PDB file of N, CA and C in Angstrom:
ATOM      1  N   GLY A   1      42.179  68.479 150.490  1.00  0.00           N
ATOM      2  CA  GLY A   1      42.582  67.216 149.945  1.00  0.00           C
ATOM      3  C   GLY A   1      43.756  67.337 149.011  1.00  0.00           C
ATOM      4  N   VAL A   2      43.452  67.169 147.735  1.00  0.00           N
ATOM      5  CA  VAL A   2      44.495  67.083 146.709  1.00  0.00           C
ATOM      6  C   VAL A   2      45.299  68.380 146.599  1.00  0.00           C
ATOM      7  N   LEU A   3      44.587  69.510 146.602  1.00  0.00           N
ATOM      8  CA  LEU A   3      45.260  70.806 146.461  1.00  0.00           C
ATOM      9  C   LEU A   3      46.251  71.053 147.602  1.00  0.00           C
ATOM     10  N   ILE A   4      45.847  70.724 148.800  1.00  0.00           N
ATOM     11  CA  ILE A   4      46.731  70.907 149.962  1.00  0.00           C
ATOM     12  C   ILE A   4      47.960  70.013 149.834  1.00  0.00           C
ATOM     13  N   ALA A   5      47.740  68.785 149.397  1.00  0.00           N
ATOM     14  CA  ALA A   5      48.853  67.846 149.211  1.00  0.00           C
ATOM     15  C   ALA A   5      49.809  68.351 148.129  1.00  0.00           C
ATOM     16  N   GLU A   6      49.261  68.908 147.053  1.00  0.00           N
ATOM     17  CA  GLU A   6      50.101  69.439 145.971  1.00  0.00           C
ATOM     18  C   GLU A   6      50.916  70.634 146.459  1.00  0.00           C
ATOM     19  N   ARG A   7      50.274  71.508 147.225  1.00  0.00           N
ATOM     20  CA  ARG A   7      50.988  72.672 147.767  1.00  0.00           C
ATOM     21  C   ARG A   7      52.126  72.227 148.687  1.00  0.00           C
ATOM     22  N   ALA A   8      51.861  71.227 149.511  1.00  0.00           N
ATOM     23  CA  ALA A   8      52.887  70.710 150.420  1.00  0.00           C
ATOM     24  C   ALA A   8      54.042  70.111 149.617  1.00  0.00           C
ATOM     25  N   ALA A   9      53.720  69.403 148.547  1.00  0.00           N
ATOM     26  CA  ALA A   9      54.754  68.799 147.696  1.00  0.00           C
ATOM     27  C   ALA A   9      55.586  69.893 147.020  1.00  0.00           C
ATOM     28  N   ASP A  10      54.921  70.964 146.567  1.00  0.00           N
ATOM     29  CA  ASP A  10      55.633  72.088 145.955  1.00  0.00           C
ATOM     30  C   ASP A  10      56.579  72.741 146.959  1.00  0.00           C
ATOM     31  N   ARG A  11      56.082  72.952 148.180  1.00  0.00           N
ATOM     32  CA  ARG A  11      56.914  73.553 149.226  1.00  0.00           C
ATOM     33  C   ARG A  11      58.125  72.676 149.511  1.00  0.00           C
ATOM     34  N   GLU A  12      57.902  71.382 149.579  1.00  0.00           N
ATOM     35  CA  GLU A  12      58.986  70.433 149.832  1.00  0.00           C
ATOM     36  C   GLU A  12      60.027  70.501 148.710  1.00  0.00           C
ATOM     37  N   ALA A  13      59.561  70.529 147.469  1.00  0.00           N
ATOM     38  CA  ALA A  13      60.467  70.599 146.312  1.00  0.00           C
ATOM     39  C   ALA A  13      61.259  71.908 146.346  1.00  0.00           C
ATOM     40  N   ASN A  14      60.585  73.017 146.671  1.00  0.00           N
ATOM     41  CA  ASN A  14      61.261  74.311 146.755  1.00  0.00           C
ATOM     42  C   ASN A  14      62.313  74.313 147.855  1.00  0.00           C
ATOM     43  N   LEU A  15      61.980  73.715 148.984  1.00  0.00           N
ATOM     44  CA  LEU A  15      62.917  73.641 150.096  1.00  0.00           C
ATOM     45  C   LEU A  15      64.143  72.820 149.711  1.00  0.00           C
ATOM     46  N   GLN A  16      63.910  71.683 149.051  1.00  0.00           N
ATOM     47  CA  GLN A  16      65.024  70.833 148.620  1.00  0.00           C
ATOM     48  C   GLN A  16      65.938  71.601 147.657  1.00  0.00           C
ATOM     49  N   GLN A  17      65.320  72.337 146.737  1.00  0.00           N
ATOM     50  CA  GLN A  17      66.121  73.100 145.772  1.00  0.00           C
ATOM     51  C   GLN A  17      66.905  74.208 146.478  1.00  0.00           C
ATOM     52  N   ALA A  18      66.288  74.858 147.431  1.00  0.00           N
ATOM     53  CA  ALA A  18      66.970  75.917 148.179  1.00  0.00           C
ATOM     54  C   ALA A  18      68.156  75.351 148.953  1.00  0.00           C
ATOM     55  N   LEU A  19      67.970  74.194 149.572  1.00  0.00           N
ATOM     56  CA  LEU A  19      69.055  73.560 150.320  1.00  0.00           C
ATOM     57  C   LEU A  19      70.196  73.160 149.392  1.00  0.00           C
ATOM     58  N   GLU A  20      69.855  72.632 148.231  1.00  0.00           N
ATOM     59  CA  GLU A  20      70.866  72.236 147.245  1.00  0.00           C
ATOM     60  C   GLU A  20      71.620  73.468 146.748  1.00  0.00           C
ATOM     61  N   SER A  21      70.907  74.550 146.469  1.00  0.00           N
ATOM     62  CA  SER A  21      71.548  75.796 146.030  1.00  0.00           C
ATOM     63  C   SER A  21      72.519  76.293 147.097  1.00  0.00           C
ATOM     64  N   HIS A  22      72.052  76.291 148.343  1.00  0.00           N
ATOM     65  CA  HIS A  22      72.865  76.753 149.461  1.00  0.00           C
ATOM     66  C   HIS A  22      74.137  75.914 149.586  1.00  0.00           C
ATOM     67  N   ARG A  23      74.007  74.612 149.428  1.00  0.00           N
ATOM     68  CA  ARG A  23      75.145  73.699 149.523  1.00  0.00           C
ATOM     69  C   ARG A  23      76.151  73.974 148.398  1.00  0.00           C
ATOM     70  N   LEU A  24      75.640  74.101 147.160  1.00  0.00           N
ATOM     71  CA  LEU A  24      76.523  74.347 146.011  1.00  0.00           C
ATOM     72  C   LEU A  24      77.257  75.676 146.163  1.00  0.00           C
ATOM     73  N   ILE A  25      76.523  76.708 146.534  1.00  0.00           N
ATOM     74  CA  ILE A  25      77.125  78.037 146.667  1.00  0.00           C
ATOM     75  C   ILE A  25      78.175  78.033 147.779  1.00  0.00           C
ATOM     76  N   GLY A  26      77.856  77.391 148.892  1.00  0.00           N
ATOM     77  CA  GLY A  26      78.810  77.289 149.996  1.00  0.00           C
ATOM     78  C   GLY A  26      80.080  76.569 149.596  1.00  0.00           C
ATOM     79  N   GLN A  27      79.921  75.512 148.822  1.00  0.00           N
ATOM     80  CA  GLN A  27      81.077  74.729 148.371  1.00  0.00           C
ATOM     81  C   GLN A  27      81.943  75.571 147.423  1.00  0.00           C
ATOM     82  N   ALA A  28      81.306  76.267 146.491  1.00  0.00           N
ATOM     83  CA  ALA A  28      82.054  77.105 145.541  1.00  0.00           C
ATOM     84  C   ALA A  28      82.751  78.251 146.269  1.00  0.00           C
ATOM     85  N   VAL A  29      82.072  78.853 147.233  1.00  0.00           N
ATOM     86  CA  VAL A  29      82.684  79.917 148.040  1.00  0.00           C
ATOM     87  C   VAL A  29      83.929  79.369 148.743  1.00  0.00           C
ATOM     88  N   GLY A  30      83.818  78.178 149.304  1.00  0.00           N
ATOM     89  CA  GLY A  30      84.958  77.541 149.971  1.00  0.00           C
ATOM     90  C   GLY A  30      86.145  77.348 149.040  1.00  0.00           C
ATOM     91  N   ILE A  31      85.862  76.921 147.827  1.00  0.00           N
ATOM     92  CA  ILE A  31      86.922  76.731 146.820  1.00  0.00           C
ATOM     93  C   ILE A  31      87.626  78.057 146.540  1.00  0.00           C
ATOM     94  N   LEU A  32      86.829  79.110 146.348  1.00  0.00           N
ATOM     95  CA  LEU A  32      87.408  80.417 146.023  1.00  0.00           C
ATOM     96  C   LEU A  32      88.172  81.015 147.198  1.00  0.00           C
ATOM     97  N   ILE A  33      87.714  80.777 148.416  1.00  0.00           N
ATOM     98  CA  ILE A  33      88.424  81.240 149.619  1.00  0.00           C
ATOM     99  C   ILE A  33      89.817  80.615 149.659  1.00  0.00           C
ATOM    100  N   GLU A  34      89.863  79.301 149.444  1.00  0.00           N
ATOM    101  CA  GLU A  34      91.140  78.579 149.438  1.00  0.00           C
ATOM    102  C   GLU A  34      92.061  79.082 148.337  1.00  0.00           C
ATOM    103  N   ARG A  35      91.512  79.170 147.135  1.00  0.00           N
ATOM    104  CA  ARG A  35      92.305  79.489 145.955  1.00  0.00           C
ATOM    105  C   ARG A  35      92.868  80.907 145.988  1.00  0.00           C
ATOM    106  N   HIS A  36      92.040  81.855 146.417  1.00  0.00           N
ATOM    107  CA  HIS A  36      92.434  83.263 146.333  1.00  0.00           C
ATOM    108  C   HIS A  36      92.799  83.874 147.682  1.00  0.00           C
ATOM    109  N   ARG A  37      92.673  83.083 148.746  1.00  0.00           N
ATOM    110  CA  ARG A  37      92.965  83.581 150.094  1.00  0.00           C
ATOM    111  C   ARG A  37      92.167  84.857 150.382  1.00  0.00           C
ATOM    112  N   VAL A  38      90.865  84.777 150.107  1.00  0.00           N
ATOM    113  CA  VAL A  38      89.972  85.919 150.359  1.00  0.00           C
ATOM    114  C   VAL A  38      88.971  85.545 151.445  1.00  0.00           C
ATOM    115  N   LEU A  39      88.300  86.556 151.974  1.00  0.00           N
ATOM    116  CA  LEU A  39      87.249  86.324 152.963  1.00  0.00           C
ATOM    117  C   LEU A  39      85.988  85.793 152.272  1.00  0.00           C
ATOM    118  N   PRO A  40      85.134  85.124 153.043  1.00  0.00           N
ATOM    119  CA  PRO A  40      83.909  84.543 152.461  1.00  0.00           C
ATOM    120  C   PRO A  40      83.079  85.547 151.663  1.00  0.00           C
ATOM    121  N   ASN A  41      82.925  86.762 152.164  1.00  0.00           N
ATOM    122  CA  ASN A  41      82.112  87.745 151.454  1.00  0.00           C
ATOM    123  C   ASN A  41      82.703  88.083 150.087  1.00  0.00           C
ATOM    124  N   ALA A  42      84.021  88.185 150.019  1.00  0.00           N
ATOM    125  CA  ALA A  42      84.686  88.488 148.743  1.00  0.00           C
ATOM    126  C   ALA A  42      84.488  87.340 147.754  1.00  0.00           C
ATOM    127  N   ALA A  43      84.592  86.117 148.241  1.00  0.00           N
ATOM    128  CA  ALA A  43      84.386  84.944 147.377  1.00  0.00           C
ATOM    129  C   ALA A  43      82.950  84.909 146.862  1.00  0.00           C
ATOM    130  N   PHE A  44      82.000  85.203 147.749  1.00  0.00           N
ATOM    131  CA  PHE A  44      80.592  85.227 147.347  1.00  0.00           C
ATOM    132  C   PHE A  44      80.365  86.317 146.297  1.00  0.00           C
ATOM    133  N   GLN A  45      80.999  87.480 146.483  1.00  0.00           N
ATOM    134  CA  GLN A  45      80.857  88.572 145.511  1.00  0.00           C
ATOM    135  C   GLN A  45      81.405  88.185 144.140  1.00  0.00           C
ATOM    136  N   MET A  46      82.463  87.383 144.123  1.00  0.00           N
ATOM    137  CA  MET A  46      83.016  86.901 142.849  1.00  0.00           C
ATOM    138  C   MET A  46      81.968  86.060 142.112  1.00  0.00           C
ATOM    139  N   LEU A  47      81.321  85.176 142.845  1.00  0.00           N
ATOM    140  CA  LEU A  47      80.269  84.341 142.249  1.00  0.00           C
ATOM    141  C   LEU A  47      79.105  85.201 141.771  1.00  0.00           C
ATOM    142  N   LYS A  48      78.703  86.143 142.620  1.00  0.00           N
ATOM    143  CA  LYS A  48      77.555  86.996 142.313  1.00  0.00           C
ATOM    144  C   LYS A  48      77.812  87.848 141.066  1.00  0.00           C
ATOM    145  N   ALA A  49      79.009  88.423 140.987  1.00  0.00           N
ATOM    146  CA  ALA A  49      79.357  89.251 139.829  1.00  0.00           C
ATOM    147  C   ALA A  49      79.339  88.414 138.551  1.00  0.00           C
ATOM    148  N   SER A  50      79.894  87.227 138.626  1.00  0.00           N
ATOM    149  CA  SER A  50      79.916  86.345 137.463  1.00  0.00           C
ATOM    150  C   SER A  50      78.496  85.946 137.050  1.00  0.00           C
ATOM    151  N   SER A  51      77.663  85.654 138.033  1.00  0.00           N
ATOM    152  CA  SER A  51      76.259  85.304 137.786  1.00  0.00           C
ATOM    153  C   SER A  51      75.561  86.444 137.045  1.00  0.00           C
ATOM    154  N   HIS A  52      75.777  87.661 137.528  1.00  0.00           N
ATOM    155  CA  HIS A  52      75.150  88.848 136.930  1.00  0.00           C
ATOM    156  C   HIS A  52      75.695  89.112 135.523  1.00  0.00           C
ATOM    157  N   ASN A  53      77.017  89.112 135.385  1.00  0.00           N
ATOM    158  CA  ASN A  53      77.655  89.438 134.103  1.00  0.00           C
ATOM    159  C   ASN A  53      77.331  88.425 133.015  1.00  0.00           C
ATOM    160  N   ARG A  54      77.151  87.175 133.397  1.00  0.00           N
ATOM    161  CA  ARG A  54      76.932  86.107 132.419  1.00  0.00           C
ATOM    162  C   ARG A  54      75.467  85.702 132.317  1.00  0.00           C
ATOM    163  N   ASN A  55      74.623  86.371 133.099  1.00  0.00           N
ATOM    164  CA  ASN A  55      73.189  86.092 133.086  1.00  0.00           C
ATOM    165  C   ASN A  55      72.904  84.611 133.372  1.00  0.00           C
ATOM    166  N   LEU A  56      73.586  84.092 134.388  1.00  0.00           N
ATOM    167  CA  LEU A  56      73.376  82.716 134.841  1.00  0.00           C
ATOM    168  C   LEU A  56      72.911  82.758 136.294  1.00  0.00           C
ATOM    169  N   LYS A  57      72.146  81.754 136.682  1.00  0.00           N
ATOM    170  CA  LYS A  57      71.747  81.655 138.089  1.00  0.00           C
ATOM    171  C   LYS A  57      72.999  81.429 138.933  1.00  0.00           C
ATOM    172  N   LEU A  58      72.977  81.985 140.142  1.00  0.00           N
ATOM    173  CA  LEU A  58      74.099  81.852 141.063  1.00  0.00           C
ATOM    174  C   LEU A  58      74.451  80.379 141.288  1.00  0.00           C
ATOM    175  N   ARG A  59      73.426  79.551 141.494  1.00  0.00           N
ATOM    176  CA  ARG A  59      73.687  78.122 141.729  1.00  0.00           C
ATOM    177  C   ARG A  59      74.349  77.454 140.529  1.00  0.00           C
ATOM    178  N   GLU A  60      74.042  77.935 139.319  1.00  0.00           N
ATOM    179  CA  GLU A  60      74.644  77.366 138.106  1.00  0.00           C
ATOM    180  C   GLU A  60      76.121  77.736 138.022  1.00  0.00           C
ATOM    181  N   VAL A  61      76.461  78.976 138.338  1.00  0.00           N
ATOM    182  CA  VAL A  61      77.870  79.383 138.358  1.00  0.00           C
ATOM    183  C   VAL A  61      78.614  78.554 139.404  1.00  0.00           C
ATOM    184  N   ALA A  62      78.012  78.401 140.581  1.00  0.00           N
ATOM    185  CA  ALA A  62      78.627  77.612 141.652  1.00  0.00           C
ATOM    186  C   ALA A  62      78.869  76.177 141.206  1.00  0.00           C
ATOM    187  N   ARG A  63      77.849  75.571 140.581  1.00  0.00           N
ATOM    188  CA  ARG A  63      77.971  74.180 140.114  1.00  0.00           C
ATOM    189  C   ARG A  63      79.119  74.053 139.115  1.00  0.00           C
ATOM    190  N   ARG A  64      79.221  75.018 138.207  1.00  0.00           N
ATOM    191  CA  ARG A  64      80.279  74.975 137.196  1.00  0.00           C
ATOM    192  C   ARG A  64      81.663  75.118 137.815  1.00  0.00           C
ATOM    193  N   VAL A  65      81.795  76.006 138.808  1.00  0.00           N
ATOM    194  CA  VAL A  65      83.081  76.191 139.500  1.00  0.00           C
ATOM    195  C   VAL A  65      83.495  74.882 140.163  1.00  0.00           C
ATOM    196  N   ILE A  66      82.546  74.238 140.834  1.00  0.00           N
ATOM    197  CA  ILE A  66      82.829  72.986 141.534  1.00  0.00           C
ATOM    198  C   ILE A  66      83.222  71.889 140.558  1.00  0.00           C
ATOM    199  N   GLU A  67      82.460  71.757 139.476  1.00  0.00           N
ATOM    200  CA  GLU A  67      82.681  70.642 138.543  1.00  0.00           C
ATOM    201  C   GLU A  67      83.872  70.845 137.622  1.00  0.00           C
ATOM    202  N   SER A  68      84.145  72.106 137.231  1.00  0.00           N
ATOM    203  CA  SER A  68      85.214  72.348 136.250  1.00  0.00           C
ATOM    204  C   SER A  68      86.532  72.755 136.896  1.00  0.00           C
ATOM    205  N   GLY A  69      86.442  73.334 138.104  1.00  0.00           N
ATOM    206  CA  GLY A  69      87.647  73.851 138.739  1.00  0.00           C
ATOM    207  C   GLY A  69      88.100  75.183 138.164  1.00  0.00           C
ATOM    208  N   LEU A  70      87.306  75.743 137.245  1.00  0.00           N
ATOM    209  CA  LEU A  70      87.658  77.011 136.618  1.00  0.00           C
ATOM    210  C   LEU A  70      87.188  78.185 137.473  1.00  0.00           C
ATOM    211  N   GLU A  71      87.649  79.365 137.110  1.00  0.00           N
ATOM    212  CA  GLU A  71      87.197  80.592 137.754  1.00  0.00           C
ATOM    213  C   GLU A  71      85.722  80.837 137.410  1.00  0.00           C
ATOM    214  N   PRO A  72      84.988  81.559 138.271  1.00  0.00           N
ATOM    215  CA  PRO A  72      83.572  81.798 138.019  1.00  0.00           C
ATOM    216  C   PRO A  72      83.282  82.428 136.655  1.00  0.00           C
ATOM    217  N   ASP A  73      84.154  83.304 136.181  1.00  0.00           N
ATOM    218  CA  ASP A  73      83.881  83.951 134.898  1.00  0.00           C
ATOM    219  C   ASP A  73      84.288  83.106 133.693  1.00  0.00           C
ATOM    220  N   GLN A  74      84.864  81.928 133.957  1.00  0.00           N
ATOM    221  CA  GLN A  74      85.281  81.030 132.866  1.00  0.00           C
ATOM    222  C   GLN A  74      84.525  79.709 132.898  1.00  0.00           C
ATOM    223  N   ALA A  75      84.011  79.361 134.042  1.00  0.00           N
ATOM    224  CA  ALA A  75      83.391  78.038 134.234  1.00  0.00           C
ATOM    225  C   ALA A  75      82.099  77.893 133.429  1.00  0.00           C
TER     226      ALA A  75
END
């Protein structure tokens, strides 16, 4: 009953968040590919390094890059 419904709702929420993260990261990678003329993997590594160095979630770095237009290590 209730427990199963709650678990399904949690799974749905997790899936939505994962899709949103994927979308944000993809968009930020696209921005960096354009800006720096690098391959997708290199752009992703830029985001990942910034996420690690600044102790921020990858999706948060991506969101900041998209919204501010700044480099991952400055956004």
